[in-house]
């Protein structure tokens, strides 16, 4: 049974930091590219950061320099370190896994991040 379980969301003040985790199970983690998406109220889901099965990372412009994606293949876990958070970062953050050679894709249930004073 495939599972992607996000954790680490919550309420944080502007300028603060959070670290999201996504624990994967039920598939061969190191053969999947891992991604973090987010969806703000009334908006479409958007890609935030990606890390390939080989460890290469990519970020969308609005998080560059603030967010860091990483993975621990021994723990089947991907992380998103988020610094200098602003209210615009408020969203539900989703973990996504995409097989490196196919279209097989899995999604987590999401974790809420609220940035507010």
PDB file of N, CA and C in Angstrom:
ATOM      1  N   UNK A   1       0.846  -1.189   0.000  1.00  0.00           N
ATOM      2  CA  UNK A   1       0.000   0.000   0.000  1.00  0.00           C
ATOM      3  C   UNK A   1       0.884   1.242   0.000  1.00  0.00           C
ATOM      4  N   UNK A   2       0.681   2.048  -1.021  1.00  0.00           N
ATOM      5  CA  UNK A   2       1.478   3.264  -1.152  1.00  0.00           C
ATOM      6  C   UNK A   2       0.963   4.338  -0.199  1.00  0.00           C
ATOM      7  N   UNK A   3       1.896   4.967   0.499  1.00  0.00           N
ATOM      8  CA  UNK A   3       1.544   6.093   1.369  1.00  0.00           C
ATOM      9  C   UNK A   3       2.583   7.183   1.277  1.00  0.00           C
ATOM     10  N   UNK A   4       2.098   8.411   1.245  1.00  0.00           N
ATOM     11  CA  UNK A   4       2.921   9.600   1.411  1.00  0.00           C
ATOM     12  C   UNK A   4       2.273  10.396   2.534  1.00  0.00           C
ATOM     13  N   UNK A   5       2.992  10.540   3.639  1.00  0.00           N
ATOM     14  CA  UNK A   5       2.423  11.177   4.815  1.00  0.00           C
ATOM     15  C   UNK A   5       3.225  12.425   5.145  1.00  0.00           C
ATOM     16  N   UNK A   6       2.585  13.583   4.939  1.00  0.00           N
ATOM     17  CA  UNK A   6       3.233  14.856   5.249  1.00  0.00           C
ATOM     18  C   UNK A   6       3.037  15.217   6.712  1.00  0.00           C
ATOM     19  N   UNK A   7       3.995  15.950   7.233  1.00  0.00           N
ATOM     20  CA  UNK A   7       3.899  16.481   8.587  1.00  0.00           C
ATOM     21  C   UNK A   7       4.748  17.734   8.680  1.00  0.00           C
ATOM     22  N   UNK A   8       4.557  18.469   9.769  1.00  0.00           N
ATOM     23  CA  UNK A   8       5.378  19.646  10.014  1.00  0.00           C
ATOM     24  C   UNK A   8       4.704  20.973   9.744  1.00  0.00           C
ATOM     25  N   UNK A   9       3.500  20.938   9.204  1.00  0.00           N
ATOM     26  CA  UNK A   9       2.796  22.190   8.970  1.00  0.00           C
ATOM     27  C   UNK A   9       2.306  22.810  10.265  1.00  0.00           C
ATOM     28  N   UNK A  10       1.790  24.021  10.143  1.00  0.00           N
ATOM     29  CA  UNK A  10       1.269  24.693  11.324  1.00  0.00           C
ATOM     30  C   UNK A  10       1.193  26.188  11.118  1.00  0.00           C
ATOM     31  N   UNK A  11       1.017  26.889  12.217  1.00  0.00           N
ATOM     32  CA  UNK A  11       0.919  28.351  12.216  1.00  0.00           C
ATOM     33  C   UNK A  11       2.281  28.944  12.575  1.00  0.00           C
ATOM     34  N   UNK A  12       2.735  29.887  11.769  1.00  0.00           N
ATOM     35  CA  UNK A  12       4.030  30.517  12.011  1.00  0.00           C
ATOM     36  C   UNK A  12       3.918  32.005  11.697  1.00  0.00           C
ATOM     37  N   UNK A  13       4.677  32.806  12.382  1.00  0.00           N
ATOM     38  CA  UNK A  13       4.663  34.248  12.136  1.00  0.00           C
ATOM     39  C   UNK A  13       5.477  34.591  10.890  1.00  0.00           C
ATOM     40  N   UNK A  14       5.144  35.690  10.259  1.00  0.00           N
ATOM     41  CA  UNK A  14       5.970  36.140   9.111  1.00  0.00           C
ATOM     42  C   UNK A  14       7.434  36.240   9.500  1.00  0.00           C
ATOM     43  N   UNK A  15       8.290  35.767   8.600  1.00  0.00           N
ATOM     44  CA  UNK A  15       9.712  35.735   8.884  1.00  0.00           C
ATOM     45  C   UNK A  15      10.181  34.459   9.540  1.00  0.00           C
ATOM     46  N   UNK A  16       9.240  33.642   9.952  1.00  0.00           N
ATOM     47  CA  UNK A  16       9.584  32.407  10.632  1.00  0.00           C
ATOM     48  C   UNK A  16       9.927  31.267   9.686  1.00  0.00           C
ATOM     49  N   UNK A  17      10.149  30.104  10.269  1.00  0.00           N
ATOM     50  CA  UNK A  17      10.563  28.923   9.517  1.00  0.00           C
ATOM     51  C   UNK A  17       9.733  27.710   9.902  1.00  0.00           C
ATOM     52  N   UNK A  18       9.606  26.802   8.962  1.00  0.00           N
ATOM     53  CA  UNK A  18       8.999  25.495   9.191  1.00  0.00           C
ATOM     54  C   UNK A  18       9.762  24.466   8.374  1.00  0.00           C
ATOM     55  N   UNK A  19       9.740  23.248   8.857  1.00  0.00           N
ATOM     56  CA  UNK A  19      10.314  22.139   8.103  1.00  0.00           C
ATOM     57  C   UNK A  19       9.248  21.083   7.892  1.00  0.00           C
ATOM     58  N   UNK A  20       8.901  20.880   6.641  1.00  0.00           N
ATOM     59  CA  UNK A  20       7.933  19.858   6.300  1.00  0.00           C
ATOM     60  C   UNK A  20       8.657  18.545   6.019  1.00  0.00           C
ATOM     61  N   UNK A  21       7.998  17.454   6.380  1.00  0.00           N
ATOM     62  CA  UNK A  21       8.510  16.125   6.094  1.00  0.00           C
ATOM     63  C   UNK A  21       7.452  15.340   5.337  1.00  0.00           C
ATOM     64  N   UNK A  22       7.909  14.433   4.510  1.00  0.00           N
ATOM     65  CA  UNK A  22       7.006  13.529   3.792  1.00  0.00           C
ATOM     66  C   UNK A  22       7.606  12.136   3.862  1.00  0.00           C
ATOM     67  N   UNK A  23       6.949  11.276   4.608  1.00  0.00           N
ATOM     68  CA  UNK A  23       7.413   9.905   4.771  1.00  0.00           C
ATOM     69  C   UNK A  23       6.717   9.016   3.749  1.00  0.00           C
ATOM     70  N   UNK A  24       7.519   8.300   2.972  1.00  0.00           N
ATOM     71  CA  UNK A  24       6.989   7.467   1.893  1.00  0.00           C
ATOM     72  C   UNK A  24       7.080   5.988   2.260  1.00  0.00           C
ATOM     73  N   UNK A  25       6.131   5.222   1.769  1.00  0.00           N
ATOM     74  CA  UNK A  25       6.156   3.781   1.961  1.00  0.00           C
ATOM     75  C   UNK A  25       5.354   3.127   0.848  1.00  0.00           C
ATOM     76  N   UNK A  26       5.670   1.856   0.609  1.00  0.00           N
ATOM     77  CA  UNK A  26       4.915   1.094  -0.371  1.00  0.00           C
ATOM     78  C   UNK A  26       5.440   1.150  -1.788  1.00  0.00           C
ATOM     79  N   UNK A  27       6.544   1.853  -1.992  1.00  0.00           N
ATOM     80  CA  UNK A  27       7.169   1.887  -3.316  1.00  0.00           C
ATOM     81  C   UNK A  27       8.671   2.115  -3.150  1.00  0.00           C
ATOM     82  N   UNK A  28       9.403   1.930  -4.230  1.00  0.00           N
ATOM     83  CA  UNK A  28      10.860   2.034  -4.178  1.00  0.00           C
ATOM     84  C   UNK A  28      11.247   3.503  -4.256  1.00  0.00           C
ATOM     85  N   UNK A  29      11.445   4.085  -3.105  1.00  0.00           N
ATOM     86  CA  UNK A  29      11.585   5.525  -2.970  1.00  0.00           C
ATOM     87  C   UNK A  29      12.693   6.090  -3.846  1.00  0.00           C
ATOM     88  N   UNK A  30      13.826   5.430  -3.912  1.00  0.00           N
ATOM     89  CA  UNK A  30      14.969   6.022  -4.613  1.00  0.00           C
ATOM     90  C   UNK A  30      14.849   5.967  -6.132  1.00  0.00           C
ATOM     91  N   UNK A  31      13.755   5.440  -6.645  1.00  0.00           N
ATOM     92  CA  UNK A  31      13.517   5.463  -8.087  1.00  0.00           C
ATOM     93  C   UNK A  31      12.503   6.538  -8.474  1.00  0.00           C
ATOM     94  N   UNK A  32      12.125   7.343  -7.511  1.00  0.00           N
ATOM     95  CA  UNK A  32      11.114   8.378  -7.740  1.00  0.00           C
ATOM     96  C   UNK A  32      11.702   9.764  -7.545  1.00  0.00           C
ATOM     97  N   UNK A  33      11.335  10.646  -8.479  1.00  0.00           N
ATOM     98  CA  UNK A  33      11.546  12.070  -8.254  1.00  0.00           C
ATOM     99  C   UNK A  33      10.505  12.532  -7.241  1.00  0.00           C
ATOM    100  N   UNK A  34      10.908  13.415  -6.347  1.00  0.00           N
ATOM    101  CA  UNK A  34       9.999  13.888  -5.310  1.00  0.00           C
ATOM    102  C   UNK A  34       9.778  15.389  -5.453  1.00  0.00           C
ATOM    103  N   UNK A  35       8.547  15.787  -5.234  1.00  0.00           N
ATOM    104  CA  UNK A  35       8.162  17.177  -5.432  1.00  0.00           C
ATOM    105  C   UNK A  35       7.307  17.675  -4.278  1.00  0.00           C
ATOM    106  N   UNK A  36       7.393  18.952  -4.024  1.00  0.00           N
ATOM    107  CA  UNK A  36       6.453  19.629  -3.135  1.00  0.00           C
ATOM    108  C   UNK A  36       5.621  20.601  -3.970  1.00  0.00           C
ATOM    109  N   UNK A  37       4.325  20.492  -3.792  1.00  0.00           N
ATOM    110  CA  UNK A  37       3.380  21.420  -4.397  1.00  0.00           C
ATOM    111  C   UNK A  37       2.662  22.154  -3.265  1.00  0.00           C
ATOM    112  N   UNK A  38       1.981  23.213  -3.643  1.00  0.00           N
ATOM    113  CA  UNK A  38       1.124  23.882  -2.669  1.00  0.00           C
ATOM    114  C   UNK A  38      -0.126  24.419  -3.358  1.00  0.00           C
ATOM    115  N   UNK A  39      -1.173  24.566  -2.566  1.00  0.00           N
ATOM    116  CA  UNK A  39      -2.422  25.106  -3.082  1.00  0.00           C
ATOM    117  C   UNK A  39      -2.995  26.071  -2.063  1.00  0.00           C
ATOM    118  N   UNK A  40      -3.051  27.323  -2.463  1.00  0.00           N
ATOM    119  CA  UNK A  40      -3.636  28.350  -1.613  1.00  0.00           C
ATOM    120  C   UNK A  40      -5.140  28.418  -1.866  1.00  0.00           C
ATOM    121  N   UNK A  41      -5.898  28.940  -0.928  1.00  0.00           N
ATOM    122  CA  UNK A  41      -7.357  29.030  -1.113  1.00  0.00           C
ATOM    123  C   UNK A  41      -7.723  29.783  -2.387  1.00  0.00           C
ATOM    124  N   UNK A  42      -8.573  29.171  -3.204  1.00  0.00           N
ATOM    125  CA  UNK A  42      -9.020  29.803  -4.430  1.00  0.00           C
ATOM    126  C   UNK A  42      -8.019  29.797  -5.561  1.00  0.00           C
ATOM    127  N   UNK A  43      -6.902  29.114  -5.376  1.00  0.00           N
ATOM    128  CA  UNK A  43      -5.873  29.090  -6.413  1.00  0.00           C
ATOM    129  C   UNK A  43      -5.583  27.659  -6.845  1.00  0.00           C
ATOM    130  N   UNK A  44      -4.932  27.533  -7.997  1.00  0.00           N
ATOM    131  CA  UNK A  44      -4.556  26.215  -8.482  1.00  0.00           C
ATOM    132  C   UNK A  44      -3.345  25.696  -7.719  1.00  0.00           C
ATOM    133  N   UNK A  45      -3.238  24.393  -7.703  1.00  0.00           N
ATOM    134  CA  UNK A  45      -2.063  23.776  -7.106  1.00  0.00           C
ATOM    135  C   UNK A  45      -0.845  24.123  -7.960  1.00  0.00           C
ATOM    136  N   UNK A  46       0.262  24.459  -7.294  1.00  0.00           N
ATOM    137  CA  UNK A  46       1.463  24.853  -8.022  1.00  0.00           C
ATOM    138  C   UNK A  46       2.694  24.149  -7.469  1.00  0.00           C
ATOM    139  N   UNK A  47       3.632  23.890  -8.358  1.00  0.00           N
ATOM    140  CA  UNK A  47       4.881  23.260  -7.977  1.00  0.00           C
ATOM    141  C   UNK A  47       5.741  24.260  -7.214  1.00  0.00           C
ATOM    142  N   UNK A  48       6.363  23.782  -6.159  1.00  0.00           N
ATOM    143  CA  UNK A  48       7.229  24.627  -5.334  1.00  0.00           C
ATOM    144  C   UNK A  48       8.690  24.236  -5.508  1.00  0.00           C
ATOM    145  N   UNK A  49       8.963  22.939  -5.364  1.00  0.00           N
ATOM    146  CA  UNK A  49      10.350  22.474  -5.416  1.00  0.00           C
ATOM    147  C   UNK A  49      10.372  21.011  -5.814  1.00  0.00           C
ATOM    148  N   UNK A  50      11.478  20.612  -6.450  1.00  0.00           N
ATOM    149  CA  UNK A  50      11.637  19.240  -6.901  1.00  0.00           C
ATOM    150  C   UNK A  50      13.026  18.739  -6.554  1.00  0.00           C
ATOM    151  N   UNK A  51      13.112  17.442  -6.325  1.00  0.00           N
ATOM    152  CA  UNK A  51      14.409  16.806  -6.162  1.00  0.00           C
ATOM    153  C   UNK A  51      14.353  15.480  -6.924  1.00  0.00           C
ATOM    154  N   UNK A  52      15.309  15.288  -7.798  1.00  0.00           N
ATOM    155  CA  UNK A  52      15.300  14.098  -8.630  1.00  0.00           C
ATOM    156  C   UNK A  52      15.723  12.877  -7.826  1.00  0.00           C
ATOM    157  N   UNK A  53      15.572  11.722  -8.440  1.00  0.00           N
ATOM    158  CA  UNK A  53      16.001  10.492  -7.778  1.00  0.00           C
ATOM    159  C   UNK A  53      17.506  10.530  -7.521  1.00  0.00           C
ATOM    160  N   UNK A  54      18.227  11.294  -8.309  1.00  0.00           N
ATOM    161  CA  UNK A  54      19.671  11.421  -8.130  1.00  0.00           C
ATOM    162  C   UNK A  54      20.096  12.566  -7.239  1.00  0.00           C
ATOM    163  N   UNK A  55      19.124  13.355  -6.779  1.00  0.00           N
ATOM    164  CA  UNK A  55      19.433  14.423  -5.841  1.00  0.00           C
ATOM    165  C   UNK A  55      19.510  15.819  -6.421  1.00  0.00           C
ATOM    166  N   UNK A  56      19.279  15.970  -7.719  1.00  0.00           N
ATOM    167  CA  UNK A  56      19.296  17.306  -8.316  1.00  0.00           C
ATOM    168  C   UNK A  56      18.039  18.067  -7.904  1.00  0.00           C
ATOM    169  N   UNK A  57      18.199  19.337  -7.601  1.00  0.00           N
ATOM    170  CA  UNK A  57      17.077  20.133  -7.087  1.00  0.00           C
ATOM    171  C   UNK A  57      16.696  21.267  -8.036  1.00  0.00           C
ATOM    172  N   UNK A  58      15.427  21.617  -7.985  1.00  0.00           N
ATOM    173  CA  UNK A  58      14.916  22.765  -8.731  1.00  0.00           C
ATOM    174  C   UNK A  58      13.870  23.477  -7.888  1.00  0.00           C
ATOM    175  N   UNK A  59      13.809  24.786  -8.069  1.00  0.00           N
ATOM    176  CA  UNK A  59      12.875  25.598  -7.304  1.00  0.00           C
ATOM    177  C   UNK A  59      12.174  26.595  -8.218  1.00  0.00           C
ATOM    178  N   UNK A  60      10.941  26.898  -7.863  1.00  0.00           N
ATOM    179  CA  UNK A  60      10.290  27.985  -8.573  1.00  0.00           C
ATOM    180  C   UNK A  60      10.858  29.294  -8.044  1.00  0.00           C
ATOM    181  N   UNK A  61      10.746  30.329  -8.863  1.00  0.00           N
ATOM    182  CA  UNK A  61      11.428  31.586  -8.532  1.00  0.00           C
ATOM    183  C   UNK A  61      11.010  32.168  -7.186  1.00  0.00           C
ATOM    184  N   UNK A  62       9.734  32.031  -6.844  1.00  0.00           N
ATOM    185  CA  UNK A  62       9.263  32.715  -5.643  1.00  0.00           C
ATOM    186  C   UNK A  62       9.708  32.072  -4.340  1.00  0.00           C
ATOM    187  N   UNK A  63      10.407  30.940  -4.407  1.00  0.00           N
ATOM    188  CA  UNK A  63      10.930  30.334  -3.186  1.00  0.00           C
ATOM    189  C   UNK A  63      12.447  30.209  -3.201  1.00  0.00           C
ATOM    190  N   UNK A  64      13.065  30.541  -4.316  1.00  0.00           N
ATOM    191  CA  UNK A  64      14.521  30.433  -4.398  1.00  0.00           C
ATOM    192  C   UNK A  64      15.193  31.274  -3.317  1.00  0.00           C
ATOM    193  N   UNK A  65      16.145  30.673  -2.658  1.00  0.00           N
ATOM    194  CA  UNK A  65      16.851  31.356  -1.585  1.00  0.00           C
ATOM    195  C   UNK A  65      16.158  31.275  -0.237  1.00  0.00           C
ATOM    196  N   UNK A  66      14.920  30.807  -0.230  1.00  0.00           N
ATOM    197  CA  UNK A  66      14.173  30.702   1.038  1.00  0.00           C
ATOM    198  C   UNK A  66      13.862  29.259   1.407  1.00  0.00           C
ATOM    199  N   UNK A  67      13.557  28.445   0.410  1.00  0.00           N
ATOM    200  CA  UNK A  67      13.175  27.053   0.655  1.00  0.00           C
ATOM    201  C   UNK A  67      14.297  26.121   0.194  1.00  0.00           C
ATOM    202  N   UNK A  68      14.428  24.998   0.893  1.00  0.00           N
ATOM    203  CA  UNK A  68      15.393  23.974   0.515  1.00  0.00           C
ATOM    204  C   UNK A  68      14.730  22.611   0.570  1.00  0.00           C
ATOM    205  N   UNK A  69      14.804  21.898  -0.547  1.00  0.00           N
ATOM    206  CA  UNK A  69      14.269  20.537  -0.603  1.00  0.00           C
ATOM    207  C   UNK A  69      15.433  19.571  -0.453  1.00  0.00           C
ATOM    208  N   UNK A  70      15.197  18.492   0.273  1.00  0.00           N
ATOM    209  CA  UNK A  70      16.218  17.463   0.443  1.00  0.00           C
ATOM    210  C   UNK A  70      15.530  16.116   0.612  1.00  0.00           C
ATOM    211  N   UNK A  71      16.308  15.062   0.475  1.00  0.00           N
ATOM    212  CA  UNK A  71      15.756  13.739   0.651  1.00  0.00           C
ATOM    213  C   UNK A  71      16.749  12.866   1.383  1.00  0.00           C
ATOM    214  N   UNK A  72      16.201  11.901   2.125  1.00  0.00           N
ATOM    215  CA  UNK A  72      16.992  10.900   2.816  1.00  0.00           C
ATOM    216  C   UNK A  72      16.487   9.546   2.342  1.00  0.00           C
ATOM    217  N   UNK A  73      17.193   8.964   1.420  1.00  0.00           N
ATOM    218  CA  UNK A  73      16.736   7.699   0.839  1.00  0.00           C
ATOM    219  C   UNK A  73      16.757   6.555   1.859  1.00  0.00           C
ATOM    220  N   UNK A  74      17.605   6.650   2.855  1.00  0.00           N
ATOM    221  CA  UNK A  74      17.648   5.616   3.889  1.00  0.00           C
ATOM    222  C   UNK A  74      16.384   5.652   4.747  1.00  0.00           C
ATOM    223  N   UNK A  75      15.788   6.842   4.862  1.00  0.00           N
ATOM    224  CA  UNK A  75      14.572   6.995   5.669  1.00  0.00           C
ATOM    225  C   UNK A  75      13.319   7.111   4.806  1.00  0.00           C
ATOM    226  N   UNK A  76      13.480   7.028   3.488  1.00  0.00           N
ATOM    227  CA  UNK A  76      12.336   7.177   2.570  1.00  0.00           C
ATOM    228  C   UNK A  76      11.560   8.460   2.869  1.00  0.00           C
ATOM    229  N   UNK A  77      12.286   9.532   3.037  1.00  0.00           N
ATOM    230  CA  UNK A  77      11.668  10.785   3.451  1.00  0.00           C
ATOM    231  C   UNK A  77      12.219  11.949   2.631  1.00  0.00           C
ATOM    232  N   UNK A  78      11.322  12.851   2.282  1.00  0.00           N
ATOM    233  CA  UNK A  78      11.716  14.098   1.625  1.00  0.00           C
ATOM    234  C   UNK A  78      11.313  15.249   2.536  1.00  0.00           C
ATOM    235  N   UNK A  79      12.123  16.290   2.517  1.00  0.00           N
ATOM    236  CA  UNK A  79      11.917  17.429   3.406  1.00  0.00           C
ATOM    237  C   UNK A  79      11.787  18.715   2.605  1.00  0.00           C
ATOM    238  N   UNK A  80      11.140  19.673   3.221  1.00  0.00           N
ATOM    239  CA  UNK A  80      11.120  21.022   2.673  1.00  0.00           C
ATOM    240  C   UNK A  80      11.366  21.983   3.826  1.00  0.00           C
ATOM    241  N   UNK A  81      12.557  22.555   3.845  1.00  0.00           N
ATOM    242  CA  UNK A  81      12.884  23.575   4.838  1.00  0.00           C
ATOM    243  C   UNK A  81      12.442  24.921   4.284  1.00  0.00           C
ATOM    244  N   UNK A  82      11.598  25.603   5.022  1.00  0.00           N
ATOM    245  CA  UNK A  82      11.034  26.870   4.570  1.00  0.00           C
ATOM    246  C   UNK A  82      11.445  27.976   5.539  1.00  0.00           C
ATOM    247  N   UNK A  83      12.159  28.944   5.032  1.00  0.00           N
ATOM    248  CA  UNK A  83      12.627  30.081   5.834  1.00  0.00           C
ATOM    249  C   UNK A  83      12.034  31.377   5.301  1.00  0.00           C
ATOM    250  N   UNK A  84      12.114  32.407   6.114  1.00  0.00           N
ATOM    251  CA  UNK A  84      11.629  33.732   5.718  1.00  0.00           C
ATOM    252  C   UNK A  84      10.217  33.679   5.147  1.00  0.00           C
ATOM    253  N   UNK A  85       9.371  32.990   5.849  1.00  0.00           N
ATOM    254  CA  UNK A  85       8.002  32.791   5.370  1.00  0.00           C
ATOM    255  C   UNK A  85       7.214  34.098   5.375  1.00  0.00           C
ATOM    256  N   UNK A  86       6.344  34.231   4.398  1.00  0.00           N
ATOM    257  CA  UNK A  86       5.463  35.386   4.275  1.00  0.00           C
ATOM    258  C   UNK A  86       4.025  34.898   4.209  1.00  0.00           C
ATOM    259  N   UNK A  87       3.059  35.789   4.416  1.00  0.00           N
ATOM    260  CA  UNK A  87       1.651  35.369   4.322  1.00  0.00           C
ATOM    261  C   UNK A  87       1.317  34.746   2.961  1.00  0.00           C
ATOM    262  N   UNK A  88       2.031  35.136   1.912  1.00  0.00           N
ATOM    263  CA  UNK A  88       1.783  34.541   0.600  1.00  0.00           C
ATOM    264  C   UNK A  88       2.152  33.066   0.526  1.00  0.00           C
ATOM    265  N   UNK A  89       2.889  32.582   1.500  1.00  0.00           N
ATOM    266  CA  UNK A  89       3.246  31.159   1.543  1.00  0.00           C
ATOM    267  C   UNK A  89       2.156  30.317   2.197  1.00  0.00           C
ATOM    268  N   UNK A  90       1.126  30.951   2.685  1.00  0.00           N
ATOM    269  CA  UNK A  90       0.011  30.224   3.287  1.00  0.00           C
ATOM    270  C   UNK A  90      -0.670  29.344   2.252  1.00  0.00           C
ATOM    271  N   UNK A  91      -0.736  28.052   2.544  1.00  0.00           N
ATOM    272  CA  UNK A  91      -1.299  27.083   1.595  1.00  0.00           C
ATOM    273  C   UNK A  91      -1.289  25.701   2.228  1.00  0.00           C
ATOM    274  N   UNK A  92      -1.955  24.787   1.556  1.00  0.00           N
ATOM    275  CA  UNK A  92      -1.781  23.376   1.876  1.00  0.00           C
ATOM    276  C   UNK A  92      -0.632  22.866   1.017  1.00  0.00           C
ATOM    277  N   UNK A  93       0.329  22.246   1.660  1.00  0.00           N
ATOM    278  CA  UNK A  93       1.513  21.750   0.967  1.00  0.00           C
ATOM    279  C   UNK A  93       1.387  20.242   0.771  1.00  0.00           C
ATOM    280  N   UNK A  94       1.604  19.815  -0.460  1.00  0.00           N
ATOM    281  CA  UNK A  94       1.448  18.416  -0.836  1.00  0.00           C
ATOM    282  C   UNK A  94       2.766  17.807  -1.290  1.00  0.00           C
ATOM    283  N   UNK A  95       2.981  16.605  -0.873  1.00  0.00           N
ATOM    284  CA  UNK A  95       4.118  15.810  -1.320  1.00  0.00           C
ATOM    285  C   UNK A  95       3.683  15.002  -2.553  1.00  0.00           C
ATOM    286  N   UNK A  96       4.569  14.915  -3.518  1.00  0.00           N
ATOM    287  CA  UNK A  96       4.270  14.197  -4.759  1.00  0.00           C
ATOM    288  C   UNK A  96       5.467  13.343  -5.142  1.00  0.00           C
ATOM    289  N   UNK A  97       5.180  12.143  -5.599  1.00  0.00           N
ATOM    290  CA  UNK A  97       6.225  11.246  -6.075  1.00  0.00           C
ATOM    291  C   UNK A  97       5.930  10.875  -7.522  1.00  0.00           C
ATOM    292  N   UNK A  98       6.936  10.985  -8.371  1.00  0.00           N
ATOM    293  CA  UNK A  98       6.768  10.619  -9.781  1.00  0.00           C
ATOM    294  C   UNK A  98       7.913   9.709 -10.193  1.00  0.00           C
ATOM    295  N   UNK A  99       7.569   8.540 -10.732  1.00  0.00           N
ATOM    296  CA  UNK A  99       8.607   7.587 -11.109  1.00  0.00           C
ATOM    297  C   UNK A  99       9.506   8.184 -12.186  1.00  0.00           C
ATOM    298  N   UNK A 100      10.776   7.908 -12.083  1.00  0.00           N
ATOM    299  CA  UNK A 100      11.741   8.544 -12.983  1.00  0.00           C
ATOM    300  C   UNK A 100      11.619   8.088 -14.426  1.00  0.00           C
ATOM    301  N   UNK A 101      11.003   6.921 -14.658  1.00  0.00           N
ATOM    302  CA  UNK A 101      10.901   6.403 -16.019  1.00  0.00           C
ATOM    303  C   UNK A 101       9.474   6.204 -16.492  1.00  0.00           C
ATOM    304  N   UNK A 102       8.494   6.591 -15.700  1.00  0.00           N
ATOM    305  CA  UNK A 102       7.118   6.396 -16.126  1.00  0.00           C
ATOM    306  C   UNK A 102       6.269   7.548 -15.616  1.00  0.00           C
ATOM    307  N   UNK A 103       4.978   7.453 -15.861  1.00  0.00           N
ATOM    308  CA  UNK A 103       4.052   8.482 -15.388  1.00  0.00           C
ATOM    309  C   UNK A 103       3.419   8.122 -14.055  1.00  0.00           C
ATOM    310  N   UNK A 104       3.853   7.061 -13.433  1.00  0.00           N
ATOM    311  CA  UNK A 104       3.296   6.663 -12.145  1.00  0.00           C
ATOM    312  C   UNK A 104       3.518   7.774 -11.123  1.00  0.00           C
ATOM    313  N   UNK A 105       2.437   8.212 -10.510  1.00  0.00           N
ATOM    314  CA  UNK A 105       2.489   9.362  -9.610  1.00  0.00           C
ATOM    315  C   UNK A 105       1.663   9.082  -8.362  1.00  0.00           C
ATOM    316  N   UNK A 106       2.173   9.530  -7.237  1.00  0.00           N
ATOM    317  CA  UNK A 106       1.459   9.412  -5.967  1.00  0.00           C
ATOM    318  C   UNK A 106       1.418  10.771  -5.291  1.00  0.00           C
ATOM    319  N   UNK A 107       0.355  10.958  -4.508  1.00  0.00           N
ATOM    320  CA  UNK A 107       0.163  12.212  -3.765  1.00  0.00           C
ATOM    321  C   UNK A 107      -0.072  11.930  -2.293  1.00  0.00           C
ATOM    322  N   UNK A 108       0.410  12.844  -1.470  1.00  0.00           N
ATOM    323  CA  UNK A 108       0.068  12.813  -0.066  1.00  0.00           C
ATOM    324  C   UNK A 108      -1.232  13.554   0.179  1.00  0.00           C
ATOM    325  N   UNK A 109      -1.646  13.588   1.438  1.00  0.00           N
ATOM    326  CA  UNK A 109      -2.920  14.198   1.791  1.00  0.00           C
ATOM    327  C   UNK A 109      -2.805  15.692   2.065  1.00  0.00           C
ATOM    328  N   UNK A 110      -1.591  16.173   2.206  1.00  0.00           N
ATOM    329  CA  UNK A 110      -1.344  17.592   2.408  1.00  0.00           C
ATOM    330  C   UNK A 110      -1.180  17.971   3.870  1.00  0.00           C
ATOM    331  N   UNK A 111      -0.455  19.051   4.083  1.00  0.00           N
ATOM    332  CA  UNK A 111      -0.290  19.615   5.418  1.00  0.00           C
ATOM    333  C   UNK A 111      -0.450  21.129   5.313  1.00  0.00           C
ATOM    334  N   UNK A 112      -1.217  21.688   6.243  1.00  0.00           N
ATOM    335  CA  UNK A 112      -1.559  23.101   6.181  1.00  0.00           C
ATOM    336  C   UNK A 112      -0.437  23.957   6.761  1.00  0.00           C
ATOM    337  N   UNK A 113      -0.079  24.993   6.035  1.00  0.00           N
ATOM    338  CA  UNK A 113       0.864  25.998   6.522  1.00  0.00           C
ATOM    339  C   UNK A 113       0.149  27.343   6.528  1.00  0.00           C
ATOM    340  N   UNK A 114       0.134  27.991   7.676  1.00  0.00           N
ATOM    341  CA  UNK A 114      -0.474  29.314   7.804  1.00  0.00           C
ATOM    342  C   UNK A 114       0.578  30.277   8.324  1.00  0.00           C
ATOM    343  N   UNK A 115       0.807  31.320   7.560  1.00  0.00           N
ATOM    344  CA  UNK A 115       1.773  32.341   7.959  1.00  0.00           C
ATOM    345  C   UNK A 115       0.994  33.605   8.307  1.00  0.00           C
ATOM    346  N   UNK A 116       0.976  33.911   9.588  1.00  0.00           N
ATOM    347  CA  UNK A 116       0.156  35.040  10.050  1.00  0.00           C
ATOM    348  C   UNK A 116       0.677  35.556  11.383  1.00  0.00           C
ATOM    349  N   UNK A 117       0.511  36.837  11.575  1.00  0.00           N
ATOM    350  CA  UNK A 117       0.879  37.423  12.865  1.00  0.00           C
ATOM    351  C   UNK A 117      -0.339  37.486  13.779  1.00  0.00           C
TER     352      UNK A 117
END
